[in-house]
C-alpha atoms as a PDB file:
ATOM      1  CA  UNK A   1     110.336 108.806 106.197  1.00  0.00           C
ATOM      2  CA  UNK A   2     110.698 111.672 103.724  1.00  0.00           C
ATOM      3  CA  UNK A   3     107.627 113.349 102.244  1.00  0.00           C
ATOM      4  CA  UNK A   4     108.076 113.888  98.488  1.00  0.00           C
ATOM      5  CA  UNK A   5     104.991 116.023  97.947  1.00  0.00           C
ATOM      6  CA  UNK A   6     101.282 116.129  97.447  1.00  0.00           C
ATOM      7  CA  UNK A   7      99.715 116.114  94.008  1.00  0.00           C
ATOM      8  CA  UNK A   8      96.076 116.554  94.920  1.00  0.00           C
ATOM      9  CA  UNK A   9      93.207 114.157  95.279  1.00  0.00           C
ATOM     10  CA  UNK A  10      92.877 111.026  93.194  1.00  0.00           C
ATOM     11  CA  UNK A  11      89.465 110.908  91.575  1.00  0.00           C
ATOM     12  CA  UNK A  12      89.378 107.759  89.433  1.00  0.00           C
ATOM     13  CA  UNK A  13      87.651 104.861  91.166  1.00  0.00           C
ATOM     14  CA  UNK A  14      87.406 101.196  90.241  1.00  0.00           C
ATOM     15  CA  UNK A  15      86.537  98.054  92.134  1.00  0.00           C
ATOM     16  CA  UNK A  16      88.125  94.635  92.036  1.00  0.00           C
ATOM     17  CA  UNK A  17      85.764  93.744  89.166  1.00  0.00           C
ATOM     18  CA  UNK A  18      87.747  96.111  86.934  1.00  0.00           C
ATOM     19  CA  UNK A  19      91.034  94.283  87.497  1.00  0.00           C
ATOM     20  CA  UNK A  20      92.069  94.426  83.818  1.00  0.00           C
ATOM     21  CA  UNK A  21      92.189  98.248  83.828  1.00  0.00           C
ATOM     22  CA  UNK A  22      93.765  98.266  87.293  1.00  0.00           C
ATOM     23  CA  UNK A  23      96.378  95.729  86.214  1.00  0.00           C
ATOM     24  CA  UNK A  24      97.336  97.854  83.200  1.00  0.00           C
ATOM     25  CA  UNK A  25      97.832 100.969  85.356  1.00  0.00           C
ATOM     26  CA  UNK A  26     100.098  99.160  87.817  1.00  0.00           C
ATOM     27  CA  UNK A  27     101.976  97.359  85.032  1.00  0.00           C
ATOM     28  CA  UNK A  28     102.661 100.767  83.455  1.00  0.00           C
ATOM     29  CA  UNK A  29     103.938 102.132  86.793  1.00  0.00           C
ATOM     30  CA  UNK A  30     106.110  99.033  87.209  1.00  0.00           C
ATOM     31  CA  UNK A  31     107.549  99.487  83.726  1.00  0.00           C
ATOM     32  CA  UNK A  32     108.495 103.103  84.542  1.00  0.00           C
ATOM     33  CA  UNK A  33     110.139 102.133  87.843  1.00  0.00           C
ATOM     34  CA  UNK A  34     112.018  99.331  86.052  1.00  0.00           C
ATOM     35  CA  UNK A  35     113.244 101.833  83.462  1.00  0.00           C
ATOM     36  CA  UNK A  36     114.623 104.078  86.231  1.00  0.00           C
ATOM     37  CA  UNK A  37     116.480 101.118  87.723  1.00  0.00           C
ATOM     38  CA  UNK A  38     117.769 100.088  84.276  1.00  0.00           C
ATOM     39  CA  UNK A  39     119.635 103.372  83.949  1.00  0.00           C
ATOM     40  CA  UNK A  40     122.473 101.635  85.772  1.00  0.00           C
ATOM     41  CA  UNK A  41     123.240 103.916  88.698  1.00  0.00           C
ATOM     42  CA  UNK A  42     125.062 102.279  91.615  1.00  0.00           C
ATOM     43  CA  UNK A  43     122.716 104.101  94.018  1.00  0.00           C
ATOM     44  CA  UNK A  44     118.969 103.384  94.035  1.00  0.00           C
ATOM     45  CA  UNK A  45     117.236 106.514  92.664  1.00  0.00           C
ATOM     46  CA  UNK A  46     114.760 106.588  95.576  1.00  0.00           C
ATOM     47  CA  UNK A  47     113.845 110.262  95.234  1.00  0.00           C
ATOM     48  CA  UNK A  48     113.188 109.747  91.495  1.00  0.00           C
ATOM     49  CA  UNK A  49     111.039 106.673  92.238  1.00  0.00           C
ATOM     50  CA  UNK A  50     109.105 108.726  94.806  1.00  0.00           C
ATOM     51  CA  UNK A  51     108.648 111.549  92.294  1.00  0.00           C
ATOM     52  CA  UNK A  52     107.453 109.076  89.644  1.00  0.00           C
ATOM     53  CA  UNK A  53     104.910 107.658  92.092  1.00  0.00           C
ATOM     54  CA  UNK A  54     103.736 111.196  92.936  1.00  0.00           C
ATOM     55  CA  UNK A  55     103.266 111.987  89.237  1.00  0.00           C
ATOM     56  CA  UNK A  56     101.319 108.750  88.735  1.00  0.00           C
ATOM     57  CA  UNK A  57      98.986 108.779  91.765  1.00  0.00           C
ATOM     58  CA  UNK A  58      96.133 110.695  90.141  1.00  0.00           C
ATOM     59  CA  UNK A  59      95.986 108.110  87.336  1.00  0.00           C
ATOM     60  CA  UNK A  60      95.970 104.995  89.519  1.00  0.00           C
ATOM     61  CA  UNK A  61      92.716 103.162  90.171  1.00  0.00           C
ATOM     62  CA  UNK A  62      91.395 102.887  93.700  1.00  0.00           C
ATOM     63  CA  UNK A  63      90.937  99.339  94.952  1.00  0.00           C
ATOM     64  CA  UNK A  64      88.418  98.765  97.705  1.00  0.00           C
ATOM     65  CA  UNK A  65      88.843  96.365 100.631  1.00  0.00           C
ATOM     66  CA  UNK A  66      87.060  93.031 100.371  1.00  0.00           C
ATOM     67  CA  UNK A  67      83.755  93.103 102.178  1.00  0.00           C
ATOM     68  CA  UNK A  68      84.807  90.085 104.251  1.00  0.00           C
ATOM     69  CA  UNK A  69      87.882  91.883 105.644  1.00  0.00           C
ATOM     70  CA  UNK A  70      87.203  92.505 109.359  1.00  0.00           C
ATOM     71  CA  UNK A  71      86.785  96.084 110.569  1.00  0.00           C
ATOM     72  CA  UNK A  72      89.971  97.757 111.825  1.00  0.00           C
ATOM     73  CA  UNK A  73      92.059  95.612 109.444  1.00  0.00           C
ATOM     74  CA  UNK A  74      93.956  96.206 106.237  1.00  0.00           C
ATOM     75  CA  UNK A  75      94.757  93.892 103.364  1.00  0.00           C
ATOM     76  CA  UNK A  76      97.663  93.690 100.947  1.00  0.00           C
ATOM     77  CA  UNK A  77      97.426  92.904  97.264  1.00  0.00           C
ATOM     78  CA  UNK A  78     100.361  92.139  94.966  1.00  0.00           C
ATOM     79  CA  UNK A  79      99.924  94.520  92.017  1.00  0.00           C
ATOM     80  CA  UNK A  80     103.212  94.131  90.106  1.00  0.00           C
ATOM     81  CA  UNK A  81     106.430  92.189  90.529  1.00  0.00           C
ATOM     82  CA  UNK A  82     109.500  93.214  88.538  1.00  0.00           C
ATOM     83  CA  UNK A  83     110.511  90.366  86.189  1.00  0.00           C
ATOM     84  CA  UNK A  84     114.136  90.893  87.304  1.00  0.00           C
ATOM     85  CA  UNK A  85     113.157  90.635  91.006  1.00  0.00           C
ATOM     86  CA  UNK A  86     114.344  94.154  91.905  1.00  0.00           C
ATOM     87  CA  UNK A  87     111.087  95.554  93.287  1.00  0.00           C
ATOM     88  CA  UNK A  88     107.420  94.850  93.997  1.00  0.00           C
ATOM     89  CA  UNK A  89     104.337  97.088  93.942  1.00  0.00           C
ATOM     90  CA  UNK A  90     101.677  96.376  96.580  1.00  0.00           C
ATOM     91  CA  UNK A  91      98.270  97.923  97.148  1.00  0.00           C
ATOM     92  CA  UNK A  92      97.033  98.232 100.720  1.00  0.00           C
ATOM     93  CA  UNK A  93      93.324  98.673 101.363  1.00  0.00           C
ATOM     94  CA  UNK A  94      92.668 100.145 104.806  1.00  0.00           C
ATOM     95  CA  UNK A  95      89.398  99.805 106.707  1.00  0.00           C
ATOM     96  CA  UNK A  96      88.577 102.579 109.217  1.00  0.00           C
ATOM     97  CA  UNK A  97      90.832 102.314 112.268  1.00  0.00           C
ATOM     98  CA  UNK A  98      93.238  99.803 110.677  1.00  0.00           C
ATOM     99  CA  UNK A  99      96.817  99.937 111.966  1.00  0.00           C
ATOM    100  CA  UNK A 100     100.089  98.120 111.297  1.00  0.00           C
ATOM    101  CA  UNK A 101     102.414  96.945 114.027  1.00  0.00           C
ATOM    102  CA  UNK A 102     105.572  99.009 114.535  1.00  0.00           C
ATOM    103  CA  UNK A 103     107.996  97.823 111.847  1.00  0.00           C
ATOM    104  CA  UNK A 104     111.017  98.604 109.694  1.00  0.00           C
ATOM    105  CA  UNK A 105     111.861  97.355 106.198  1.00  0.00           C
ATOM    106  CA  UNK A 106     114.435  95.027 104.693  1.00  0.00           C
ATOM    107  CA  UNK A 107     114.526  97.235 101.581  1.00  0.00           C
ATOM    108  CA  UNK A 108     113.994 100.816 100.394  1.00  0.00           C
ATOM    109  CA  UNK A 109     110.414 101.897  99.758  1.00  0.00           C
ATOM    110  CA  UNK A 110     108.091 104.558  98.389  1.00  0.00           C
ATOM    111  CA  UNK A 111     104.500 104.932  99.578  1.00  0.00           C
ATOM    112  CA  UNK A 112     101.703 106.953  97.984  1.00  0.00           C
ATOM    113  CA  UNK A 113      98.235 107.731  99.328  1.00  0.00           C
ATOM    114  CA  UNK A 114      95.834 107.177  96.427  1.00  0.00           C
ATOM    115  CA  UNK A 115      92.573 107.698  98.332  1.00  0.00           C
ATOM    116  CA  UNK A 116      91.635 108.655 101.894  1.00  0.00           C
ATOM    117  CA  UNK A 117      94.044 109.543 104.694  1.00  0.00           C
ATOM    118  CA  UNK A 118      96.841 107.556 106.304  1.00  0.00           C
ATOM    119  CA  UNK A 119      98.701 108.349 109.486  1.00  0.00           C
ATOM    120  CA  UNK A 120     102.359 107.593 110.134  1.00  0.00           C
ATOM    121  CA  UNK A 121     104.020 107.319 113.544  1.00  0.00           C
ATOM    122  CA  UNK A 122     107.841 107.435 113.326  1.00  0.00           C
ATOM    123  CA  UNK A 123     110.128 105.714 115.827  1.00  0.00           C
ATOM    124  CA  UNK A 124     113.833 105.447 116.529  1.00  0.00           C
ATOM    125  CA  UNK A 125     115.826 102.891 118.518  1.00  0.00           C
ATOM    126  CA  UNK A 126     117.593 104.329 121.546  1.00  0.00           C
ATOM    127  CA  UNK A 127     119.610 102.416 124.138  1.00  0.00           C
ATOM    128  CA  UNK A 128     118.528 102.711 127.757  1.00  0.00           C
ATOM    129  CA  UNK A 129     120.722 100.833 130.230  1.00  0.00           C
ATOM    130  CA  UNK A 130     122.142  98.835 127.333  1.00  0.00           C
ATOM    131  CA  UNK A 131     118.696  97.743 126.107  1.00  0.00           C
ATOM    132  CA  UNK A 132     117.232  99.052 122.830  1.00  0.00           C
ATOM    133  CA  UNK A 133     113.926 100.867 123.303  1.00  0.00           C
ATOM    134  CA  UNK A 134     111.708 102.391 120.617  1.00  0.00           C
ATOM    135  CA  UNK A 135     110.864 106.054 121.107  1.00  0.00           C
ATOM    136  CA  UNK A 136     108.177 107.770 119.036  1.00  0.00           C
ATOM    137  CA  UNK A 137     109.689 110.746 117.198  1.00  0.00           C
ATOM    138  CA  UNK A 138     106.719 112.091 115.259  1.00  0.00           C
ATOM    139  CA  UNK A 139     103.293 111.617 113.751  1.00  0.00           C
ATOM    140  CA  UNK A 140     101.737 112.931 110.563  1.00  0.00           C
ATOM    141  CA  UNK A 141      98.434 112.490 108.749  1.00  0.00           C
ATOM    142  CA  UNK A 142      98.806 112.343 104.955  1.00  0.00           C
ATOM    143  CA  UNK A 143      95.998 112.828 102.445  1.00  0.00           C
ATOM    144  CA  UNK A 144      95.488 111.614  98.894  1.00  0.00           C
ATOM    145  CA  UNK A 145      98.355 112.627  96.633  1.00  0.00           C
ATOM    146  CA  UNK A 146     101.024 112.476  99.331  1.00  0.00           C
ATOM    147  CA  UNK A 147     104.130 110.368  98.671  1.00  0.00           C
ATOM    148  CA  UNK A 148     106.919 109.474 101.087  1.00  0.00           C
ATOM    149  CA  UNK A 149     110.080 107.402 100.785  1.00  0.00           C
ATOM    150  CA  UNK A 150     111.536 105.162 103.462  1.00  0.00           C
ATOM    151  CA  UNK A 151     115.031 103.803 103.986  1.00  0.00           C
ATOM    152  CA  UNK A 152     115.979 100.263 104.816  1.00  0.00           C
ATOM    153  CA  UNK A 153     115.891  99.399 108.548  1.00  0.00           C
ATOM    154  CA  UNK A 154     116.827 100.896 110.958  1.00  0.00           C
ATOM    155  CA  UNK A 155     116.205 104.195 109.157  1.00  0.00           C
ATOM    156  CA  UNK A 156     112.441 103.993 108.707  1.00  0.00           C
ATOM    157  CA  UNK A 157     110.834 102.415 111.766  1.00  0.00           C
ATOM    158  CA  UNK A 158     107.168 103.352 111.791  1.00  0.00           C
ATOM    159  CA  UNK A 159     103.535 102.298 112.119  1.00  0.00           C
ATOM    160  CA  UNK A 160     100.855 103.237 109.593  1.00  0.00           C
ATOM    161  CA  UNK A 161      97.182 103.691 110.441  1.00  0.00           C
ATOM    162  CA  UNK A 162      93.862 104.875 109.021  1.00  0.00           C
ATOM    163  CA  UNK A 163      92.754 107.716 111.324  1.00  0.00           C
ATOM    164  CA  UNK A 164      89.335 108.148 109.689  1.00  0.00           C
ATOM    165  CA  UNK A 165      85.971 106.429 109.505  1.00  0.00           C
ATOM    166  CA  UNK A 166      86.382 105.915 105.737  1.00  0.00           C
ATOM    167  CA  UNK A 167      88.425 103.353 103.787  1.00  0.00           C
ATOM    168  CA  UNK A 168      91.797 104.376 102.355  1.00  0.00           C
ATOM    169  CA  UNK A 169      94.043 102.987  99.610  1.00  0.00           C
ATOM    170  CA  UNK A 170      97.836 103.247  99.405  1.00  0.00           C
ATOM    171  CA  UNK A 171     100.418 102.015  96.894  1.00  0.00           C
ATOM    172  CA  UNK A 172     103.787 100.761  98.171  1.00  0.00           C
ATOM    173  CA  UNK A 173     106.887 100.125  96.048  1.00  0.00           C
ATOM    174  CA  UNK A 174     109.539  98.039  97.831  1.00  0.00           C
ATOM    175  CA  UNK A 175     113.040  97.249  96.592  1.00  0.00           C
ATOM    176  CA  UNK A 176     112.790  93.460  96.809  1.00  0.00           C
ATOM    177  CA  UNK A 177     110.887  90.551  95.296  1.00  0.00           C
ATOM    178  CA  UNK A 178     107.768  89.905  97.387  1.00  0.00           C
ATOM    179  CA  UNK A 179     106.044  87.505  94.985  1.00  0.00           C
ATOM    180  CA  UNK A 180     106.266  84.579  97.434  1.00  0.00           C
ATOM    181  CA  UNK A 181     105.487  86.488 100.652  1.00  0.00           C
ATOM    182  CA  UNK A 182     104.282  90.091 100.443  1.00  0.00           C
ATOM    183  CA  UNK A 183     105.015  90.609 104.161  1.00  0.00           C
ATOM    184  CA  UNK A 184     108.692  89.540 103.889  1.00  0.00           C
ATOM    185  CA  UNK A 185     109.788  93.182 103.604  1.00  0.00           C
ATOM    186  CA  UNK A 186     108.761  93.917 107.211  1.00  0.00           C
ATOM    187  CA  UNK A 187     110.920  93.704 110.339  1.00  0.00           C
ATOM    188  CA  UNK A 188     108.548  93.699 113.319  1.00  0.00           C
ATOM    189  CA  UNK A 189     109.231  95.429 116.625  1.00  0.00           C
ATOM    190  CA  UNK A 190     107.561  94.662 119.950  1.00  0.00           C
ATOM    191  CA  UNK A 191     104.856  97.222 120.747  1.00  0.00           C
ATOM    192  CA  UNK A 192     105.615  97.163 124.471  1.00  0.00           C
ATOM    193  CA  UNK A 193     109.041  98.697 123.768  1.00  0.00           C
ATOM    194  CA  UNK A 194     107.514 101.837 122.262  1.00  0.00           C
ATOM    195  CA  UNK A 195     107.240 105.009 124.282  1.00  0.00           C
ATOM    196  CA  UNK A 196     106.123 108.561 123.519  1.00  0.00           C
END
């Protein structure tokens, strides 16, 4: 995972009741990402997509988790799907203590912290006696305004978590169509194989 930069703290706040304004903001971001991809380069301009997300974070609305989401959980919301099927934008609302399983991705990605703080534990696969084992290689805590990019598996194995007692909101752009299943981007790894 590569950190692109930190732009500051997002201040605009909306709730799910303001979905028209929220939808417009994410549609605009999607249009800009689509334009970058339309430029025709053979290589995905991941650093440019990450920079675009960083420039946009302060203008994105903050979505709050549903009140019926259990504590220590997170929820995903499809915010924009490219009409050509090249990428999807998801919003993740994180309750305090929420954590993902250790996973990689089937596609490139860019992640921005819109509100709150999110932690990232990085892992790599190493072979021990011919068996692959996950070894933790680092941990960071990122605040609002931070953007990172992630490569397709096996280059970006990680687990995300909310280390605080406050909700957090992140925006994820993934290089595949997730309109049918917004979890299809993930490749899960067994937790018991992870070591520090």
